[in-house]
Amino acid sequence: MKPHVICHMGTSLDGRTIPSRWRPTDAQIGDLYDRLHTEIDCDAWIVGRVTGQEFAKRKGGYPSTTSNSYPREPWIATRDVDAYAVVLDERGKITWGRSDIGGDHIVVVLCEAVPDAHLAGLRSEGISYVFAGNEKLDLSTALEVLNSELGIERLLLEGGGNINGAFLRAGLIDEISLILVPAIDGASGVPALFDGPDALEETPTPIRSITLQSCTLKEGGNVWLRYSVKSE
């Protein structure tokens, strides 16, 4: 069983996701994004490696070797928390220096090919980890493991365009929570809400229907849109 996945993001009117580029500059999300994050009330939130790296505090890496050998099975340092911060880190590139983000316990999703030394580093910092794939992450497996191991039933997807796009193409998004900001980026090639392969290489996204559930006007002219998504 997989969790109910809600992609929660804020974008300009042209679907771009870097607020520092938006014009006019006074059209911003402010603290609205975080307030709605809390209001949606999920068991966990999930991001990719690039976004996860922004939260890391450790200056140096973990030791490069260890005398220990660890089974490729879930290792959960802390259970029964209010929320989990889940980070997809396929090859174990992030060294953390912390075990929570804003009080939410960190859970790293890895491939089995990650070195034992990295697992030792995570354990030394009290960071939980699970596996989803041998050489490459399998997003469907990751969601099933998060549900079975941690009881996660509702999950906020808050990644960059590539991670969001990967979830969408895998048919794993059940809902979109979008804050539409009255601003424009206006440039091509800027990260968007959903990114993916070049058009000529991409197969059609397996979406059967998108249905508007609510539309709420917020401060600053921001509009909060919630859609249900059905995949094929």
C-alpha atoms as a PDB file:
ATOM      1  CA  MET A   1       0.000   0.000   0.000  1.00  0.00           C
ATOM      2  CA  LYS A   2       1.311   3.438  -0.867  1.00  0.00           C
ATOM      3  CA  PRO A   3       0.612   6.720   0.929  1.00  0.00           C
ATOM      4  CA  HIS A   4      -1.712   9.370  -0.500  1.00  0.00           C
ATOM      5  CA  VAL A   5       0.765  11.723  -2.232  1.00  0.00           C
ATOM      6  CA  ILE A   6       0.066  15.459  -2.357  1.00  0.00           C
ATOM      7  CA  CYS A   7       2.425  17.591  -4.453  1.00  0.00           C
ATOM      8  CA  HIS A   8       2.552  20.906  -2.551  1.00  0.00           C
ATOM      9  CA  MET A   9       4.296  23.746  -4.396  1.00  0.00           C
ATOM     10  CA  GLY A  10       4.220  27.457  -5.140  1.00  0.00           C
ATOM     11  CA  THR A  11       4.840  28.848  -8.627  1.00  0.00           C
ATOM     12  CA  SER A  12       4.692  32.029 -10.669  1.00  0.00           C
ATOM     13  CA  LEU A  13       1.901  32.372 -13.227  1.00  0.00           C
ATOM     14  CA  ASP A  14       4.183  30.737 -15.810  1.00  0.00           C
ATOM     15  CA  GLY A  15       4.852  27.743 -13.578  1.00  0.00           C
ATOM     16  CA  ARG A  16       8.386  28.624 -12.456  1.00  0.00           C
ATOM     17  CA  THR A  17       9.659  27.821  -8.975  1.00  0.00           C
ATOM     18  CA  ILE A  18      12.540  30.211  -8.133  1.00  0.00           C
ATOM     19  CA  PRO A  19      10.967  33.131  -6.199  1.00  0.00           C
ATOM     20  CA  SER A  20      14.071  35.354  -6.467  1.00  0.00           C
ATOM     21  CA  ARG A  21      13.469  35.565 -10.229  1.00  0.00           C
ATOM     22  CA  TRP A  22       9.822  36.582 -10.032  1.00  0.00           C
ATOM     23  CA  ARG A  23       8.614  40.050 -10.996  1.00  0.00           C
ATOM     24  CA  PRO A  24       7.223  42.160  -9.521  1.00  0.00           C
ATOM     25  CA  THR A  25       9.486  41.481  -6.544  1.00  0.00           C
ATOM     26  CA  ASP A  26       6.747  42.253  -4.010  1.00  0.00           C
ATOM     27  CA  ALA A  27       4.651  39.326  -5.296  1.00  0.00           C
ATOM     28  CA  GLN A  28       5.889  36.569  -3.010  1.00  0.00           C
ATOM     29  CA  ILE A  29       4.564  33.610  -1.033  1.00  0.00           C
ATOM     30  CA  GLY A  30       5.915  34.793   2.346  1.00  0.00           C
ATOM     31  CA  ASP A  31       5.011  32.390   5.120  1.00  0.00           C
ATOM     32  CA  LEU A  32       1.869  31.211   3.316  1.00  0.00           C
ATOM     33  CA  TYR A  33       3.604  28.113   1.949  1.00  0.00           C
ATOM     34  CA  ASP A  34       4.642  26.873   5.399  1.00  0.00           C
ATOM     35  CA  ARG A  35       1.239  27.641   6.910  1.00  0.00           C
ATOM     36  CA  LEU A  36      -0.499  25.564   4.269  1.00  0.00           C
ATOM     37  CA  HIS A  37       2.111  22.823   4.674  1.00  0.00           C
ATOM     38  CA  THR A  38       0.961  22.559   8.297  1.00  0.00           C
ATOM     39  CA  GLU A  39      -2.736  22.903   7.441  1.00  0.00           C
ATOM     40  CA  ILE A  40      -2.645  20.018   4.953  1.00  0.00           C
ATOM     41  CA  ASP A  41      -1.506  17.847   7.875  1.00  0.00           C
ATOM     42  CA  CYS A  42       0.503  14.921   6.505  1.00  0.00           C
ATOM     43  CA  ASP A  43       2.571  12.250   8.245  1.00  0.00           C
ATOM     44  CA  ALA A  44       5.706  13.158   6.286  1.00  0.00           C
ATOM     45  CA  TRP A  45       7.164  15.279   3.511  1.00  0.00           C
ATOM     46  CA  ILE A  46       9.588  14.194   0.828  1.00  0.00           C
ATOM     47  CA  VAL A  47      12.238  15.917  -1.318  1.00  0.00           C
ATOM     48  CA  GLY A  48      15.095  14.902  -3.589  1.00  0.00           C
ATOM     49  CA  ARG A  49      18.849  15.015  -3.023  1.00  0.00           C
ATOM     50  CA  VAL A  50      19.392  18.565  -4.286  1.00  0.00           C
ATOM     51  CA  THR A  51      16.733  20.037  -2.003  1.00  0.00           C
ATOM     52  CA  GLY A  52      17.821  17.765   0.853  1.00  0.00           C
ATOM     53  CA  GLN A  53      21.409  18.993   0.580  1.00  0.00           C
ATOM     54  CA  GLU A  54      20.206  22.510   1.413  1.00  0.00           C
ATOM     55  CA  PHE A  55      19.293  21.295   4.910  1.00  0.00           C
ATOM     56  CA  ALA A  56      22.599  19.539   5.649  1.00  0.00           C
ATOM     57  CA  LYS A  57      24.848  21.078   8.334  1.00  0.00           C
ATOM     58  CA  ARG A  58      27.906  18.802   8.351  1.00  0.00           C
ATOM     59  CA  LYS A  59      30.967  20.460   6.841  1.00  0.00           C
ATOM     60  CA  GLY A  60      33.003  17.330   6.119  1.00  0.00           C
ATOM     61  CA  GLY A  61      32.041  13.903   4.858  1.00  0.00           C
ATOM     62  CA  TYR A  62      31.566  10.698   6.818  1.00  0.00           C
ATOM     63  CA  PRO A  63      34.597   8.384   7.229  1.00  0.00           C
ATOM     64  CA  SER A  64      35.292   6.655   3.911  1.00  0.00           C
ATOM     65  CA  THR A  65      35.665   3.169   5.381  1.00  0.00           C
ATOM     66  CA  THR A  66      34.175   1.030   8.123  1.00  0.00           C
ATOM     67  CA  SER A  67      34.905  -2.438   9.496  1.00  0.00           C
ATOM     68  CA  ASN A  68      31.174  -3.108   9.786  1.00  0.00           C
ATOM     69  CA  SER A  69      28.901  -4.714   7.226  1.00  0.00           C
ATOM     70  CA  TYR A  70      25.219  -3.802   7.361  1.00  0.00           C
ATOM     71  CA  PRO A  71      22.242  -5.700   5.963  1.00  0.00           C
ATOM     72  CA  ARG A  72      20.305  -3.851   3.270  1.00  0.00           C
ATOM     73  CA  GLU A  73      17.155  -3.541   5.329  1.00  0.00           C
ATOM     74  CA  PRO A  74      15.385  -0.604   7.014  1.00  0.00           C
ATOM     75  CA  TRP A  75      17.129   0.924  10.029  1.00  0.00           C
ATOM     76  CA  ILE A  76      14.780   3.152  12.004  1.00  0.00           C
ATOM     77  CA  ALA A  77      16.380   5.265  14.725  1.00  0.00           C
ATOM     78  CA  THR A  78      13.209   6.991  15.901  1.00  0.00           C
ATOM     79  CA  ARG A  79       9.561   6.036  15.595  1.00  0.00           C
ATOM     80  CA  ASP A  80       6.213   7.545  16.562  1.00  0.00           C
ATOM     81  CA  VAL A  81       7.201  11.130  15.770  1.00  0.00           C
ATOM     82  CA  ASP A  82       4.815  13.886  14.686  1.00  0.00           C
ATOM     83  CA  ALA A  83       6.259  13.937  11.162  1.00  0.00           C
ATOM     84  CA  TYR A  84       9.115  12.544   9.076  1.00  0.00           C
ATOM     85  CA  ALA A  85      11.389  14.449   6.687  1.00  0.00           C
ATOM     86  CA  VAL A  86      12.067  11.980   3.870  1.00  0.00           C
ATOM     87  CA  VAL A  87      14.964  12.579   1.477  1.00  0.00           C
ATOM     88  CA  LEU A  88      15.666  10.601  -1.685  1.00  0.00           C
ATOM     89  CA  ASP A  89      19.458  10.190  -1.770  1.00  0.00           C
ATOM     90  CA  GLU A  90      20.072   7.367  -4.220  1.00  0.00           C
ATOM     91  CA  ARG A  91      23.838   6.984  -3.761  1.00  0.00           C
ATOM     92  CA  GLY A  92      24.214   8.431  -0.273  1.00  0.00           C
ATOM     93  CA  LYS A  93      25.787  11.777  -1.164  1.00  0.00           C
ATOM     94  CA  ILE A  94      24.446  13.875   1.730  1.00  0.00           C
ATOM     95  CA  THR A  95      26.309  14.032   5.044  1.00  0.00           C
ATOM     96  CA  TRP A  96      23.920  15.578   7.504  1.00  0.00           C
ATOM     97  CA  GLY A  97      25.230  16.819  10.842  1.00  0.00           C
ATOM     98  CA  ARG A  98      21.673  16.672  12.161  1.00  0.00           C
ATOM     99  CA  SER A  99      18.925  14.079  12.628  1.00  0.00           C
ATOM    100  CA  ASP A 100      15.868  16.282  12.182  1.00  0.00           C
ATOM    101  CA  ILE A 101      14.653  19.219  10.108  1.00  0.00           C
ATOM    102  CA  GLY A 102      12.482  21.598  12.081  1.00  0.00           C
ATOM    103  CA  GLY A 103      11.733  18.798  14.513  1.00  0.00           C
ATOM    104  CA  ASP A 104      10.800  16.309  11.762  1.00  0.00           C
ATOM    105  CA  HIS A 105      12.959  13.170  11.967  1.00  0.00           C
ATOM    106  CA  ILE A 106      15.091  12.549   8.869  1.00  0.00           C
ATOM    107  CA  VAL A 107      14.572   9.321   6.902  1.00  0.00           C
ATOM    108  CA  VAL A 108      16.865   8.753   3.916  1.00  0.00           C
ATOM    109  CA  VAL A 109      15.798   6.556   0.983  1.00  0.00           C
ATOM    110  CA  LEU A 110      18.819   4.800  -0.540  1.00  0.00           C
ATOM    111  CA  CYS A 111      19.774   2.215  -3.141  1.00  0.00           C
ATOM    112  CA  GLU A 112      21.315  -1.007  -1.894  1.00  0.00           C
ATOM    113  CA  ALA A 113      24.550  -0.154  -3.725  1.00  0.00           C
ATOM    114  CA  VAL A 114      25.352   2.582  -1.181  1.00  0.00           C
ATOM    115  CA  PRO A 115      28.631   1.904   0.723  1.00  0.00           C
ATOM    116  CA  ASP A 116      28.588   0.503   4.253  1.00  0.00           C
ATOM    117  CA  ALA A 117      30.641   3.510   5.360  1.00  0.00           C
ATOM    118  CA  HIS A 118      27.745   5.823   4.507  1.00  0.00           C
ATOM    119  CA  LEU A 119      25.319   3.661   6.467  1.00  0.00           C
ATOM    120  CA  ALA A 120      27.706   3.829   9.429  1.00  0.00           C
ATOM    121  CA  GLY A 121      27.705   7.607   9.147  1.00  0.00           C
ATOM    122  CA  LEU A 122      23.915   7.788   9.129  1.00  0.00           C
ATOM    123  CA  ARG A 123      23.692   5.488  12.138  1.00  0.00           C
ATOM    124  CA  SER A 124      26.242   7.555  14.048  1.00  0.00           C
ATOM    125  CA  GLU A 125      23.993  10.600  13.680  1.00  0.00           C
ATOM    126  CA  GLY A 126      20.749   8.792  14.522  1.00  0.00           C
ATOM    127  CA  ILE A 127      19.356   9.141  11.011  1.00  0.00           C
ATOM    128  CA  SER A 128      16.910   6.501   9.801  1.00  0.00           C
ATOM    129  CA  TYR A 129      17.195   4.923   6.367  1.00  0.00           C
ATOM    130  CA  VAL A 130      15.310   2.537   4.090  1.00  0.00           C
ATOM    131  CA  PHE A 131      16.093   0.977   0.708  1.00  0.00           C
ATOM    132  CA  ALA A 132      14.163   1.097  -2.568  1.00  0.00           C
ATOM    133  CA  GLY A 133      16.057  -0.529  -5.427  1.00  0.00           C
ATOM    134  CA  ASN A 134      19.454  -2.077  -6.122  1.00  0.00           C
ATOM    135  CA  GLU A 135      21.255   0.400  -8.395  1.00  0.00           C
ATOM    136  CA  LYS A 136      18.480   2.934  -9.030  1.00  0.00           C
ATOM    137  CA  LEU A 137      15.661   4.223  -6.845  1.00  0.00           C
ATOM    138  CA  ASP A 138      12.240   2.750  -7.454  1.00  0.00           C
ATOM    139  CA  LEU A 139       9.715   5.365  -6.351  1.00  0.00           C
ATOM    140  CA  SER A 140       6.808   2.923  -6.054  1.00  0.00           C
ATOM    141  CA  THR A 141       8.873   0.676  -3.796  1.00  0.00           C
ATOM    142  CA  ALA A 142       9.989   3.679  -1.745  1.00  0.00           C
ATOM    143  CA  LEU A 143       6.385   4.669  -1.042  1.00  0.00           C
ATOM    144  CA  GLU A 144       5.394   1.127  -0.099  1.00  0.00           C
ATOM    145  CA  VAL A 145       8.342   0.827   2.302  1.00  0.00           C
ATOM    146  CA  LEU A 146       7.554   4.186   3.940  1.00  0.00           C
ATOM    147  CA  ASN A 147       4.015   3.007   4.523  1.00  0.00           C
ATOM    148  CA  SER A 148       4.888  -0.467   5.810  1.00  0.00           C
ATOM    149  CA  GLU A 149       7.859   0.558   7.986  1.00  0.00           C
ATOM    150  CA  LEU A 150       6.687   3.920   9.340  1.00  0.00           C
ATOM    151  CA  GLY A 151       2.929   3.875   8.849  1.00  0.00           C
ATOM    152  CA  ILE A 152       3.027   6.929   6.564  1.00  0.00           C
ATOM    153  CA  GLU A 153      -0.415   7.347   5.002  1.00  0.00           C
ATOM    154  CA  ARG A 154      -0.289  10.957   3.778  1.00  0.00           C
ATOM    155  CA  LEU A 155       2.862  12.343   2.180  1.00  0.00           C
ATOM    156  CA  LEU A 156       3.667  15.855   0.952  1.00  0.00           C
ATOM    157  CA  LEU A 157       5.854  15.875  -2.165  1.00  0.00           C
ATOM    158  CA  GLU A 158       7.822  19.143  -2.113  1.00  0.00           C
ATOM    159  CA  GLY A 159      10.683  18.479  -4.484  1.00  0.00           C
ATOM    160  CA  GLY A 160      12.190  20.250  -7.439  1.00  0.00           C
ATOM    161  CA  GLY A 161      10.759  19.886 -10.907  1.00  0.00           C
ATOM    162  CA  ASN A 162      12.686  16.704 -11.741  1.00  0.00           C
ATOM    163  CA  ILE A 163      11.534  14.801  -8.656  1.00  0.00           C
ATOM    164  CA  ASN A 164       7.975  16.072  -9.005  1.00  0.00           C
ATOM    165  CA  GLY A 165       8.024  15.094 -12.665  1.00  0.00           C
ATOM    166  CA  ALA A 166       9.348  11.616 -11.877  1.00  0.00           C
ATOM    167  CA  PHE A 167       6.504  11.024  -9.413  1.00  0.00           C
ATOM    168  CA  LEU A 168       3.975  12.320 -11.952  1.00  0.00           C
ATOM    169  CA  ARG A 169       5.277  10.113 -14.774  1.00  0.00           C
ATOM    170  CA  ALA A 170       5.193   7.112 -12.425  1.00  0.00           C
ATOM    171  CA  GLY A 171       1.509   7.769 -11.727  1.00  0.00           C
ATOM    172  CA  LEU A 172       2.154   8.284  -8.010  1.00  0.00           C
ATOM    173  CA  ILE A 173       0.624  11.737  -7.398  1.00  0.00           C
ATOM    174  CA  ASP A 174      -2.920  11.739  -6.017  1.00  0.00           C
ATOM    175  CA  GLU A 175      -3.375  15.456  -5.421  1.00  0.00           C
ATOM    176  CA  ILE A 176      -1.796  18.791  -6.343  1.00  0.00           C
ATOM    177  CA  SER A 177      -1.737  21.682  -3.854  1.00  0.00           C
ATOM    178  CA  LEU A 178      -0.599  24.735  -5.809  1.00  0.00           C
ATOM    179  CA  ILE A 179      -0.073  28.290  -4.594  1.00  0.00           C
ATOM    180  CA  LEU A 180      -0.287  30.462  -7.696  1.00  0.00           C
ATOM    181  CA  VAL A 181       1.592  33.725  -7.154  1.00  0.00           C
ATOM    182  CA  PRO A 182       0.723  36.849  -9.235  1.00  0.00           C
ATOM    183  CA  ALA A 183       4.228  37.109 -10.680  1.00  0.00           C
ATOM    184  CA  ILE A 184       6.081  36.174 -13.867  1.00  0.00           C
ATOM    185  CA  ASP A 185       9.513  34.658 -14.434  1.00  0.00           C
ATOM    186  CA  GLY A 186       9.441  34.920 -18.190  1.00  0.00           C
ATOM    187  CA  ALA A 187      12.499  32.849 -19.121  1.00  0.00           C
ATOM    188  CA  SER A 188      12.821  29.426 -20.704  1.00  0.00           C
ATOM    189  CA  GLY A 189      14.900  26.698 -19.104  1.00  0.00           C
ATOM    190  CA  VAL A 190      14.089  27.800 -15.548  1.00  0.00           C
ATOM    191  CA  PRO A 191      13.011  25.016 -13.126  1.00  0.00           C
ATOM    192  CA  ALA A 192       9.274  24.439 -13.330  1.00  0.00           C
ATOM    193  CA  LEU A 193       6.627  22.694 -11.248  1.00  0.00           C
ATOM    194  CA  PHE A 194       7.087  19.489 -13.267  1.00  0.00           C
ATOM    195  CA  ASP A 195      10.207  18.883 -15.351  1.00  0.00           C
ATOM    196  CA  GLY A 196      11.312  15.847 -17.289  1.00  0.00           C
ATOM    197  CA  PRO A 197      13.021  14.535 -20.434  1.00  0.00           C
ATOM    198  CA  ASP A 198      13.080  16.425 -23.700  1.00  0.00           C
ATOM    199  CA  ALA A 199       9.733  16.378 -25.493  1.00  0.00           C
ATOM    200  CA  LEU A 200      10.977  14.063 -28.236  1.00  0.00           C
ATOM    201  CA  GLU A 201      12.174  11.487 -25.682  1.00  0.00           C
ATOM    202  CA  GLU A 202       9.248  11.654 -23.298  1.00  0.00           C
ATOM    203  CA  THR A 203       6.303   9.288 -23.274  1.00  0.00           C
ATOM    204  CA  PRO A 204       2.941  10.882 -22.431  1.00  0.00           C
ATOM    205  CA  THR A 205       2.334  11.444 -18.728  1.00  0.00           C
ATOM    206  CA  PRO A 206      -0.169   8.779 -17.577  1.00  0.00           C
ATOM    207  CA  ILE A 207      -2.843  11.179 -16.301  1.00  0.00           C
ATOM    208  CA  ARG A 208      -6.475  10.206 -16.772  1.00  0.00           C
ATOM    209  CA  SER A 209      -8.076  13.228 -15.101  1.00  0.00           C
ATOM    210  CA  ILE A 210      -7.374  16.332 -13.025  1.00  0.00           C
ATOM    211  CA  THR A 211     -10.324  17.691 -11.036  1.00  0.00           C
ATOM    212  CA  LEU A 212     -10.470  21.004  -9.185  1.00  0.00           C
ATOM    213  CA  GLN A 213     -11.378  20.437  -5.528  1.00  0.00           C
ATOM    214  CA  SER A 214     -11.045  23.970  -4.159  1.00  0.00           C
ATOM    215  CA  CYS A 215      -9.894  27.476  -5.083  1.00  0.00           C
ATOM    216  CA  THR A 216      -9.112  29.936  -2.268  1.00  0.00           C
ATOM    217  CA  LEU A 217      -7.932  33.538  -2.551  1.00  0.00           C
ATOM    218  CA  LYS A 218      -5.146  34.241  -0.061  1.00  0.00           C
ATOM    219  CA  GLU A 219      -3.248  37.369   0.970  1.00  0.00           C
ATOM    220  CA  GLY A 220      -1.233  39.220  -1.635  1.00  0.00           C
ATOM    221  CA  GLY A 221      -3.406  37.966  -4.463  1.00  0.00           C
ATOM    222  CA  ASN A 222      -2.062  34.424  -4.086  1.00  0.00           C
ATOM    223  CA  VAL A 223      -4.514  31.703  -5.096  1.00  0.00           C
ATOM    224  CA  TRP A 224      -4.494  28.278  -3.441  1.00  0.00           C
ATOM    225  CA  LEU A 225      -5.648  25.591  -5.850  1.00  0.00           C
ATOM    226  CA  ARG A 226      -6.242  21.976  -4.917  1.00  0.00           C
ATOM    227  CA  TYR A 227      -6.730  19.310  -7.558  1.00  0.00           C
ATOM    228  CA  SER A 228      -7.318  15.585  -7.357  1.00  0.00           C
ATOM    229  CA  VAL A 229      -5.290  13.573  -9.874  1.00  0.00           C
ATOM    230  CA  LYS A 230      -6.212  10.206 -11.343  1.00  0.00           C
ATOM    231  CA  SER A 231      -3.559   8.259 -13.231  1.00  0.00           C
ATOM    232  CA  GLU A 232      -3.995   5.462 -15.725  1.00  0.00           C
END
